[in-house]
Each structure stands twice: as structure tokens, then as C-alpha cells.
């Protein structure tokens, strides 16, 4: 396939490098000049416990790509969620009329892409593997995770089959689904848990395993699942996250089992902390919370579902972003206290 990777960071860089290595025609685009320069001059290094290799790629900034007058039938969109709308405007000139954009992102970005480019040019995707951008030309691939692709309307189209075959060469467990929205909403529920872990400097696994905060890590996904069910979404399981464990009235043993499986999944990964934590602690920049979790709040209000834990989580993440409070395990207690007042 001839694929444009828009955003050559942790996710786009990793997938693109694997597909390039097996012979796909991959073009990388990134807004970081230094990253583009290193890919072109020295190559793109993927390293970590799964594999280590270097590919000699071709990379552009949006401005330099425009001088080539290239177009693509398939674009993998791999930017941070809050850059989705802007990225759609920038990439549209490079997308053929019958082409599609595939969102390898967190959140419900398919709705943003469809609004900007049309639903017929949008393909849903869900990824849960662990990777981090370390420095220009260097990405750490820390752990495998679910890779799922599907049309927004659930049809098993030829283009989805083609994209799936390509993704199998990145991860041989990649699947096609007729319920991509179920996966995306489950990832939102899991994502709420991950945002909470980023309030601390503890690892994902250590936070989820801490019995002191079992109620917190039950209430957060339950709130998201209540909204999903009220909107007729049927959530899907992945990588230890069992949506049925976080439905109203789920037995405690089912909750504990799912939490334990998520802990085990994260302990197998060399990526110990979330990208949210890295944004806050390392890169000192805004997180994706305003595009990932904040949109759930009005959707919850529309269906009269209370989400106090989500509301307080959003507030606390904003406080950390603004330097009002520092990341600390005690913020999980603060979150619980605020949600219950």
C-alpha cells in the first residue's frame, strides 16, 4: 500500500516503520523539523523489548510535502487528539477523492474527521499498544496491544480488508470489527482510568493494583459505560478491560478480575506510564483531556447520567497542567473526596 503517516511520533512512527520494513510505500509527515530531518538523514529507529531496527524513510513537513504534489488513497492520522481538526484541514489536499483517513488516535476523533472530510472518507481504528517518542528519529516500542479497524457503519469493505492486511504486518493479532464504536467507547472508559494514574508518578500497574483506590478505578469506567449504554453503544473487551465488569451492578469479583488482568497486561509492557503522564511530567504540555474526556460530559447530560468522578478528574488534570498542583499519589484521594462532595 501507498500510505501517508500524518504524525510520525510514537504511534505513527512505530506503525509506519514496521510497514516500511516489509515493503509498503510509506511517507511520513511531521510538524517537528528536527524529527523530519533525522528520519531523512539517519533513518527512524524503533527500539525496545519487542524489536530494534532502523528504517531509511522519507519524511516531510506539511509545507515541504505540498511541493511534491503527491496524493494518497490512505492516510493514517496519528496526531494528538486536540490537533485533529487542524490536521484534517492540512491533510485534505493530499487525500484523493475516494481515499480515506484512518484514525490511530485516542478518543472519538472519527466524528471530527467525518465532519471535516466526510463520513465516506473516514475509517475507524482502535490501537492500544505502548510506545513513546524519545527524541528526533528515535521511538521506544514498549508493549503490544489491541489493533482493531472497522468502517463507521460496520460494513466489511474492501478498503478495510486492505488496511487490515497491512496492519497484520505490524501486529499479527490485528482484527476487523463491525462495532468500532464499541471499542472506542471501551477505550474511553479505560482512558479515564489512565488519566487518573497520570495524576501520580506511580506506574499504571501500581495504581490499578492499589487496593486503596479500587473504588476510584471502578467508578471512573462505570460512569463512561453508563453513558455508552444510554447512547445504545455495546462496548467491547480488550487487553484485560472487560466492559461487563464496569456495568451497573457488576459483582465485585468480576471487577477485581478485570482490574487484575489490566494490571498483568501493563506489567508485561516496558511502557510503564501513560502518554498523559509524559505530557505532564516530561514534556510539560497540555494533555488530550479536552478532546478525550471532556466531550463525554455533555453527552452524559443529554442522557441524564451523573458523572461526578469524570468531572472532578477533568478539573484535577487541568490543575496539574496549569501548575496549581503537582502530580502525587495523594491526588487520587483528593479526586475521590471531591467526587463525593
Protein backbone atom coordinates (compact mmCIF):
# COMPACT_ATOMS: atom_id res chain seq x y z
CA UNK A 1 0.00 0.00 0.00
CA UNK A 2 0.94 3.63 -0.52
CA UNK A 3 0.28 5.19 2.90
CA UNK A 4 0.81 8.67 4.27
CA UNK A 5 1.54 8.71 8.01
CA UNK A 6 0.38 12.09 9.30
CA UNK A 7 2.16 12.45 12.64
CA UNK A 8 5.36 10.39 12.87
CA UNK A 9 5.54 10.25 16.65
CA UNK A 10 5.09 7.28 18.96
CA UNK A 11 2.11 5.66 17.22
CA UNK A 12 2.59 6.78 13.62
CA UNK A 13 6.33 6.28 13.68
CA UNK A 14 6.07 2.75 15.05
CA UNK A 15 3.36 1.53 12.68
CA UNK A 16 4.91 3.29 9.71
CA UNK A 17 8.36 1.86 10.37
CA UNK A 18 7.02 -1.70 10.54
CA UNK A 19 5.04 -1.31 7.32
CA UNK A 20 8.00 0.32 5.57
CA UNK A 21 10.23 -2.58 6.61
CA UNK A 22 8.00 -5.14 4.85
CA UNK A 23 7.78 -3.18 1.62
CA UNK A 24 4.84 -0.78 1.84
CA UNK A 25 5.40 2.67 0.33
CA UNK A 26 5.34 4.84 3.45
CA UNK A 27 5.61 8.62 3.56
CA UNK A 28 5.96 10.34 6.94
CA UNK A 29 4.73 13.84 7.74
CA UNK A 30 5.50 15.65 10.97
CA UNK A 31 5.48 19.26 12.14
CA UNK A 32 8.76 18.87 14.08
CA UNK A 33 11.51 19.92 11.68
CA UNK A 34 14.25 18.13 13.63
CA UNK A 35 12.37 14.83 13.60
CA UNK A 36 11.84 15.07 9.84
CA UNK A 37 15.49 15.96 9.27
CA UNK A 38 16.78 12.98 11.27
CA UNK A 39 14.44 10.49 9.55
CA UNK A 40 15.70 11.68 6.17
CA UNK A 41 19.38 11.81 7.08
CA UNK A 42 19.86 8.98 9.60
CA UNK A 43 16.64 6.99 9.48
CA UNK A 44 13.96 6.19 12.06
CA UNK A 45 14.97 3.95 14.96
CA UNK A 46 12.43 1.70 16.67
CA UNK A 47 13.78 0.18 19.88
CA UNK A 48 12.53 -1.77 22.86
CA UNK A 49 11.90 -5.30 24.09
CA UNK A 50 9.86 -6.32 21.05
CA UNK A 51 12.31 -5.36 18.31
CA UNK A 52 15.08 -2.93 17.44
CA UNK A 53 15.66 -1.73 13.90
CA UNK A 54 16.30 1.34 11.76
CA UNK A 55 14.49 2.18 8.55
CA UNK A 56 15.59 4.70 5.95
CA UNK A 57 12.35 6.59 5.47
CA UNK A 58 11.16 9.61 3.52
CA UNK A 59 9.76 12.36 5.67
CA UNK A 60 8.32 15.82 5.10
CA UNK A 61 6.82 18.71 6.93
CA UNK A 62 3.33 19.66 5.69
CA UNK A 63 4.93 22.57 3.82
CA UNK A 64 7.60 20.51 2.04
CA UNK A 65 5.11 17.76 1.17
CA UNK A 66 2.99 20.37 -0.61
CA UNK A 67 5.82 20.99 -3.07
CA UNK A 68 5.68 17.35 -4.24
CA UNK A 69 2.02 17.49 -5.34
CA UNK A 70 1.50 13.91 -4.12
CA UNK A 71 -1.88 12.44 -3.20
CA UNK A 72 -2.74 9.33 -1.24
CA UNK A 73 -5.69 6.95 -1.01
CA UNK A 74 -4.86 6.02 2.59
CA UNK A 75 -3.74 8.40 5.33
CA UNK A 76 -3.08 7.18 8.87
CA UNK A 77 -3.82 10.10 11.21
CA UNK A 78 -1.61 9.78 14.29
CA UNK A 79 -1.55 13.25 15.87
CA UNK A 80 -2.69 14.12 19.36
CA UNK A 81 -6.48 14.27 19.57
CA UNK A 82 -6.62 18.03 20.12
CA UNK A 83 -4.80 18.57 16.82
CA UNK A 84 -7.27 16.50 14.78
CA UNK A 85 -9.36 19.31 13.31
CA UNK A 86 -6.32 21.32 12.27
CA UNK A 87 -4.63 18.22 10.84
CA UNK A 88 -7.69 17.42 8.72
CA UNK A 89 -7.53 20.85 7.12
CA UNK A 90 -3.82 20.42 6.41
CA UNK A 91 -4.01 16.90 5.00
CA UNK A 92 -7.12 17.30 2.83
CA UNK A 93 -5.16 18.45 -0.27
CA UNK A 94 -3.17 15.19 -0.12
CA UNK A 95 -6.23 12.89 0.13
CA UNK A 96 -7.74 11.54 -3.08
CA UNK A 97 -11.47 11.96 -3.63
CA UNK A 98 -12.09 8.26 -2.97
CA UNK A 99 -9.40 7.99 -0.29
CA UNK A 100 -9.79 7.61 3.47
CA UNK A 101 -8.30 8.79 6.73
CA UNK A 102 -7.74 6.14 9.41
CA UNK A 103 -7.59 7.47 12.98
CA UNK A 104 -4.86 5.78 15.05
CA UNK A 105 -5.69 8.05 17.98
CA UNK A 106 -7.39 8.16 21.35
CA UNK A 107 -10.93 9.48 21.67
CA UNK A 108 -13.87 9.79 19.31
CA UNK A 109 -11.86 11.57 16.63
CA UNK A 110 -13.70 9.74 13.86
CA UNK A 111 -16.57 12.17 14.42
CA UNK A 112 -14.24 15.14 13.93
CA UNK A 113 -12.70 13.61 10.80
CA UNK A 114 -16.10 12.77 9.35
CA UNK A 115 -17.33 16.32 9.96
CA UNK A 116 -14.25 17.76 8.26
CA UNK A 117 -13.78 15.34 5.36
CA UNK A 118 -16.99 13.32 5.11
CA UNK A 119 -18.04 10.03 6.66
CA UNK A 120 -17.29 8.19 3.39
CA UNK A 121 -13.64 9.23 3.72
CA UNK A 122 -13.31 8.13 7.36
CA UNK A 123 -12.31 4.70 8.68
CA UNK A 124 -12.37 3.84 12.38
CA UNK A 125 -9.40 2.36 14.18
CA UNK A 126 -8.51 1.44 17.74
CA UNK A 127 -4.94 0.84 18.97
CA UNK A 128 -3.72 0.08 22.48
CA UNK A 129 -0.02 -0.68 22.07
CA UNK A 130 2.56 1.20 24.12
CA UNK A 131 5.13 3.49 22.52
CA UNK A 132 6.93 6.74 23.35
CA UNK A 133 8.66 9.38 21.25
CA UNK A 134 12.09 9.73 22.86
CA UNK A 135 13.88 12.21 20.61
CA UNK A 136 14.09 13.08 16.90
CA UNK A 137 14.38 9.86 14.90
CA UNK A 138 14.02 7.59 17.94
CA UNK A 139 10.89 5.83 19.26
CA UNK A 140 10.52 3.28 22.06
CA UNK A 141 8.03 0.48 21.32
CA UNK A 142 7.32 -0.88 24.77
CA UNK A 143 4.44 -3.32 24.50
CA UNK A 144 1.92 -4.87 22.17
CA UNK A 145 -1.79 -4.17 22.48
CA UNK A 146 -5.06 -4.44 20.62
CA UNK A 147 -5.18 -3.24 16.99
CA UNK A 148 -8.69 -3.03 15.51
CA UNK A 149 -10.04 -1.48 12.30
CA UNK A 150 -13.60 -1.06 11.03
CA UNK A 151 -15.96 1.04 8.98
CA UNK A 152 -18.07 3.51 10.96
CA UNK A 153 -21.25 1.79 9.71
CA UNK A 154 -19.95 -1.70 10.44
CA UNK A 155 -19.61 -2.83 6.80
CA UNK A 156 -16.69 -5.09 5.90
CA UNK A 157 -15.48 -3.08 2.92
CA UNK A 158 -12.62 -3.82 0.55
CA UNK A 159 -10.62 -0.89 1.88
CA UNK A 160 -10.96 -2.15 5.46
CA UNK A 161 -9.76 -5.57 4.33
CA UNK A 162 -6.75 -3.95 2.63
CA UNK A 163 -5.93 -1.85 5.70
CA UNK A 164 -6.33 -4.90 7.91
CA UNK A 165 -3.90 -6.92 5.81
CA UNK A 166 -1.36 -4.12 6.18
CA UNK A 167 -1.89 -3.85 9.94
CA UNK A 168 -1.37 -7.61 10.29
CA UNK A 169 2.22 -6.95 9.22
CA UNK A 170 2.57 -4.66 12.22
CA UNK A 171 0.72 -6.94 14.65
CA UNK A 172 -0.45 -10.41 13.63
CA UNK A 173 -3.33 -10.20 16.13
CA UNK A 174 -4.96 -7.19 14.43
CA UNK A 175 -8.66 -7.69 13.72
CA UNK A 176 -11.57 -6.25 11.74
CA UNK A 177 -14.71 -5.32 13.67
CA UNK A 178 -18.28 -4.40 12.76
CA UNK A 179 -18.50 -2.47 16.07
CA UNK A 180 -15.67 0.06 16.07
CA UNK A 181 -17.68 2.42 18.26
CA UNK A 182 -17.86 -0.26 20.94
CA UNK A 183 -14.07 -0.43 21.03
CA UNK A 184 -13.67 3.35 21.03
CA UNK A 185 -16.05 3.79 23.96
CA UNK A 186 -14.35 1.00 25.91
CA UNK A 187 -11.05 2.78 25.31
CA UNK A 188 -12.63 5.96 26.69
CA UNK A 189 -13.54 4.10 29.87
CA UNK A 190 -10.05 2.65 30.17
CA UNK A 191 -8.64 6.04 29.22
CA UNK A 192 -10.42 7.65 32.16
CA UNK A 193 -8.55 5.24 34.42
CA UNK A 194 -5.27 6.07 32.68
CA UNK A 195 -5.81 9.81 33.10
CA UNK A 196 -6.28 9.20 36.83
CA UNK A 197 -2.98 7.29 37.04
CA UNK A 198 -1.29 10.31 35.40
CA UNK A 199 -2.23 12.42 38.42
CA UNK A 200 0.50 10.44 40.20
CA UNK A 201 4.09 9.45 39.46
CA UNK A 202 3.28 5.80 40.04
CA UNK A 203 3.18 3.30 37.19
CA UNK A 204 -0.11 2.35 35.54
CA UNK A 205 0.09 -1.15 37.01
CA UNK A 206 0.90 0.02 40.54
CA UNK A 207 -2.03 2.45 40.54
CA UNK A 208 -4.54 -0.11 39.28
CA UNK A 209 -3.23 -2.71 41.74
CA UNK A 210 -3.52 -0.43 44.78
CA UNK A 211 -6.49 -1.75 46.83
CA UNK A 212 -6.93 1.69 48.41
CA UNK A 213 -8.16 3.02 45.07
CA UNK A 214 -10.26 0.10 43.79
CA UNK A 215 -13.45 2.13 44.18
CA UNK A 216 -11.96 5.03 42.20
CA UNK A 217 -10.84 2.75 39.38
CA UNK A 218 -14.29 1.19 39.37
CA UNK A 219 -16.34 4.39 39.45
CA UNK A 220 -14.49 6.10 36.57
CA UNK A 221 -15.07 3.40 33.92
CA UNK A 222 -18.58 2.77 35.26
CA UNK A 223 -19.52 6.38 34.56
CA UNK A 224 -18.30 6.11 30.96
CA UNK A 225 -20.06 2.77 30.48
CA UNK A 226 -23.35 4.21 31.78
CA UNK A 227 -23.15 6.96 29.17
CA UNK A 228 -22.26 4.47 26.44
CA UNK A 229 -25.19 2.18 27.28
CA UNK A 230 -27.60 5.11 27.44
CA UNK A 231 -26.47 6.01 23.92
CA UNK A 232 -27.01 2.44 22.66
CA UNK A 233 -23.30 1.61 22.41
CA UNK A 234 -22.33 -2.02 23.01
CA UNK A 235 -18.79 -1.87 24.45
CA UNK A 236 -16.08 -4.39 23.54
CA UNK A 237 -13.41 -6.07 25.67
CA UNK A 238 -9.67 -5.71 25.08
CA UNK A 239 -6.35 -6.30 26.88
CA UNK A 240 -7.92 -7.16 30.25
CA UNK A 241 -10.58 -4.45 30.15
CA UNK A 242 -13.91 -6.25 30.49
CA UNK A 243 -16.73 -3.74 29.97
CA UNK A 244 -19.17 -6.08 31.70
CA UNK A 245 -17.13 -5.68 34.89
CA UNK A 246 -17.94 -1.98 34.89
CA UNK A 247 -21.64 -2.12 34.18
CA UNK A 248 -24.13 -1.02 36.85
CA UNK A 249 -24.49 -3.77 39.42
CA UNK A 250 -21.47 -5.82 38.30
CA UNK A 251 -20.31 -8.23 41.03
CA UNK A 252 -17.14 -7.30 42.90
CA UNK A 253 -15.32 -10.47 41.88
CA UNK A 254 -15.80 -9.58 38.20
CA UNK A 255 -14.41 -6.10 38.85
CA UNK A 256 -11.38 -7.49 40.68
CA UNK A 257 -10.71 -9.98 37.90
CA UNK A 258 -10.72 -7.29 35.20
CA UNK A 259 -8.53 -4.97 37.28
CA UNK A 260 -6.07 -7.82 37.87
CA UNK A 261 -5.96 -8.61 34.16
CA UNK A 262 -5.29 -4.96 33.31
CA UNK A 263 -2.51 -4.90 35.89
CA UNK A 264 -0.98 -8.04 34.35
CA UNK A 265 -1.24 -6.55 30.84
CA UNK A 266 0.55 -3.37 31.89
CA UNK A 267 3.25 -5.21 33.84
CA UNK A 268 4.19 -7.01 30.61
CA UNK A 269 4.88 -3.71 28.89
CA UNK A 270 8.12 -1.74 29.06
CA UNK A 271 5.94 1.38 28.80
CA UNK A 272 5.17 1.86 32.48
CA UNK A 273 3.49 5.27 32.38
CA UNK A 274 0.89 6.81 30.11
CA UNK A 275 1.43 9.36 27.38
CA UNK A 276 -0.68 11.66 29.57
CA UNK A 277 1.87 11.33 32.37
CA UNK A 278 4.67 12.05 29.88
CA UNK A 279 2.85 15.15 28.64
CA UNK A 280 2.56 16.44 32.22
CA UNK A 281 5.82 15.31 33.80
CA UNK A 282 8.30 15.29 30.92
CA UNK A 283 7.07 17.40 28.02
CA UNK A 284 5.28 19.97 30.21
CA UNK A 285 2.40 20.47 27.81
CA UNK A 286 -1.38 20.21 27.68
CA UNK A 287 -2.88 16.73 27.59
CA UNK A 288 -5.63 15.39 25.32
CA UNK A 289 -8.25 15.52 28.07
CA UNK A 290 -10.29 18.33 26.47
CA UNK A 291 -10.85 16.18 23.38
CA UNK A 292 -10.94 12.73 25.00
CA UNK A 293 -12.92 13.03 28.23
CA UNK A 294 -14.48 16.50 28.23
CA UNK A 295 -16.80 15.64 25.28
CA UNK A 296 -18.33 12.88 27.40
CA UNK A 297 -19.72 15.43 29.87
CA UNK A 298 -22.39 16.99 27.61
CA UNK A 299 -23.22 13.55 26.19
CA UNK A 300 -23.82 12.38 29.76
CA UNK A 301 -26.04 15.38 30.45
CA UNK A 302 -28.12 14.63 27.33
CA UNK A 303 -28.99 11.18 28.70
CA UNK A 304 -29.25 12.33 32.35
CA UNK A 305 -26.26 10.29 33.58
CA UNK A 306 -24.31 11.74 36.52
CA UNK A 307 -20.51 11.67 36.08
CA UNK A 308 -19.01 13.32 39.20
CA UNK A 309 -15.75 11.35 39.05
CA UNK A 310 -15.14 12.35 35.42
CA UNK A 311 -15.95 15.99 36.16
CA UNK A 312 -13.51 16.14 39.06
CA UNK A 313 -10.84 14.24 37.11
CA UNK A 314 -11.03 16.84 34.34
CA UNK A 315 -10.65 19.62 36.91
CA UNK A 316 -7.63 17.99 38.54
CA UNK A 317 -5.84 17.33 35.25
CA UNK A 318 -6.35 20.99 34.36
CA UNK A 319 -4.91 21.99 37.72
CA UNK A 320 -1.80 19.90 37.08
CA UNK A 321 -1.50 21.33 33.56
CA UNK A 322 -1.69 24.86 34.96
CA UNK A 323 0.84 24.18 37.74
CA UNK A 324 -1.71 24.68 40.52
CA UNK A 325 -0.94 21.24 41.98
CA UNK A 326 1.88 18.73 41.42
CA UNK A 327 1.49 15.10 40.45
CA UNK A 328 1.27 12.99 43.56
CA UNK A 329 -0.44 9.79 44.69
CA UNK A 330 -2.46 11.82 47.18
CA UNK A 331 -4.34 13.42 44.27
CA UNK A 332 -6.25 10.15 43.87
CA UNK A 333 -7.59 10.67 47.38
CA UNK A 334 -8.39 14.29 46.51
CA UNK A 335 -10.26 13.06 43.43
CA UNK A 336 -12.37 10.67 45.50
CA UNK A 337 -13.14 13.31 48.09
CA UNK A 338 -14.19 15.90 45.52
CA UNK A 339 -16.35 13.40 43.63
CA UNK A 340 -18.20 12.50 46.81
CA UNK A 341 -18.98 16.05 47.94
